[in-house]
Amino acid sequence: MTTNSTLPVTAKASGAVTTLAPITYAGAVAGAKAVIRGVARTPAADGEHFLLDADGEVTVISGAAFNPGDGLETDASGRFVPHTDGPLVARALDAATAANEHRRVRLISH
């Protein structure tokens, strides 16, 4: 998957960070229905600095099936799922048929 980030940022990890995880403004992997700063480009241990993509088209991990154009939010496992009532954080560019697939999304800034 190709990432076309228009805003790569360095952040400090609050807890372990995994690549492609949604990241909060505090530097932690996001939980369910979270406002996110961006998506981790690199992994990091607690307290380490890492790169995240704060805007643009990025690759994420699906938490459920979704279709191109669907609005997305985060789930409790730090994946992207169809939007219900949490903050709208991204719009799907690719279809996901199940959880744990790498798919492209367009981040929505907050």
Protein backbone atom coordinates (compact mmCIF):
# COMPACT_ATOMS: atom_id res chain seq x y z
CA MET A 1 0.00 0.00 0.00
CA THR A 2 1.18 3.48 -0.81
CA THR A 3 1.19 6.32 1.69
CA ASN A 4 0.93 9.90 0.43
CA SER A 5 1.29 11.87 3.64
CA THR A 6 1.10 15.63 3.41
CA LEU A 7 2.10 16.13 7.05
CA PRO A 8 4.69 13.73 8.55
CA VAL A 9 5.30 14.58 12.22
CA THR A 10 7.63 13.39 14.97
CA ALA A 11 5.86 12.45 18.21
CA LYS A 12 6.85 10.96 21.58
CA ALA A 13 5.29 7.60 22.43
CA SER A 14 3.11 7.23 25.50
CA GLY A 15 3.20 3.45 25.77
CA ALA A 16 4.25 1.08 22.99
CA VAL A 17 3.34 2.22 19.48
CA THR A 18 2.90 -0.16 16.55
CA THR A 19 3.22 0.74 12.88
CA LEU A 20 -0.10 1.71 11.21
CA ALA A 21 -1.86 2.30 14.55
CA PRO A 22 -4.05 5.39 15.07
CA ILE A 23 -2.32 7.76 17.49
CA THR A 24 -3.87 10.23 19.94
CA TYR A 25 -2.59 13.74 20.60
CA ALA A 26 -0.98 12.31 23.77
CA GLY A 27 1.16 9.93 21.68
CA ALA A 28 -0.70 6.74 22.63
CA VAL A 29 -2.36 4.12 20.45
CA ALA A 30 -5.99 5.19 20.17
CA GLY A 31 -8.82 3.21 21.69
CA ALA A 32 -12.46 3.08 20.62
CA LYS A 33 -14.06 6.23 19.20
CA ALA A 34 -10.97 8.39 19.75
CA VAL A 35 -9.92 11.69 18.22
CA ILE A 36 -6.59 10.98 16.56
CA ARG A 37 -3.58 13.06 15.59
CA GLY A 38 -2.56 10.62 12.87
CA VAL A 39 -1.29 7.13 12.04
CA ALA A 40 2.08 5.73 13.16
CA ARG A 41 4.57 5.30 10.34
CA THR A 42 7.21 3.71 12.60
CA PRO A 43 7.03 1.68 15.84
CA ALA A 44 8.30 2.97 19.18
CA ALA A 45 8.71 1.92 22.78
CA ASP A 46 7.33 4.09 25.59
CA GLY A 47 9.15 7.43 25.64
CA GLU A 48 10.79 7.03 22.23
CA HIS A 49 10.20 9.36 19.32
CA PHE A 50 8.48 8.05 16.19
CA LEU A 51 7.06 9.28 12.89
CA LEU A 52 3.35 9.63 12.30
CA ASP A 53 1.33 10.80 9.33
CA ALA A 54 -1.05 13.55 10.45
CA ASP A 55 -2.73 14.21 7.10
CA GLY A 56 -3.09 12.72 3.65
CA GLU A 57 -3.70 9.24 2.28
CA VAL A 58 -2.23 6.57 4.56
CA THR A 59 -2.30 2.82 5.08
CA VAL A 60 -4.13 1.53 8.17
CA ILE A 61 -5.33 -1.79 9.58
CA SER A 62 -9.03 -2.58 9.26
CA GLY A 63 -11.05 -3.75 12.24
CA ALA A 64 -14.05 -4.81 10.12
CA ALA A 65 -15.28 -4.75 6.54
CA PHE A 66 -15.84 -1.36 4.89
CA ASN A 67 -16.28 0.09 1.42
CA PRO A 68 -14.57 2.92 -0.47
CA GLY A 69 -16.08 6.22 0.65
CA ASP A 70 -17.21 4.93 4.05
CA GLY A 71 -16.52 7.14 7.05
CA LEU A 72 -14.31 5.47 9.66
CA GLU A 73 -13.64 5.64 13.39
CA THR A 74 -11.25 3.75 15.67
CA ASP A 75 -12.03 0.58 17.61
CA ALA A 76 -10.77 -0.65 21.00
CA SER A 77 -7.92 -2.55 19.30
CA GLY A 78 -6.49 0.47 17.49
CA ARG A 79 -7.93 -0.40 14.08
CA PHE A 80 -10.29 1.41 11.70
CA VAL A 81 -13.98 0.43 11.52
CA PRO A 82 -17.14 1.88 9.91
CA HIS A 83 -18.27 5.10 11.58
CA THR A 84 -21.20 4.84 14.01
CA ASP A 85 -21.17 7.53 16.69
CA GLY A 86 -17.51 8.27 17.43
CA PRO A 87 -15.42 11.00 15.84
CA LEU A 88 -15.12 10.62 12.06
CA VAL A 89 -11.34 10.27 11.62
CA ALA A 90 -10.93 8.94 8.07
CA ARG A 91 -12.67 8.04 4.83
CA ALA A 92 -11.94 4.68 3.17
CA LEU A 93 -10.20 4.68 -0.22
CA ASP A 94 -10.07 0.89 -0.54
CA ALA A 95 -12.52 -1.84 0.41
CA ALA A 96 -11.78 -4.11 3.38
CA THR A 97 -13.51 -7.49 3.45
CA ALA A 98 -12.55 -8.38 7.03
CA ALA A 99 -10.48 -7.31 10.02
CA ASN A 100 -6.67 -7.07 9.92
CA GLU A 101 -6.31 -6.00 6.30
CA HIS A 102 -3.99 -3.19 5.25
CA ARG A 103 -6.09 -0.58 3.43
CA ARG A 104 -5.69 3.04 2.31
CA VAL A 105 -7.72 5.83 3.91
CA ARG A 106 -7.84 9.63 3.72
CA LEU A 107 -7.33 11.09 7.19
CA ILE A 108 -9.73 13.77 8.45
CA SER A 109 -7.95 16.40 10.54
CA HIS A 110 -9.19 17.35 14.01
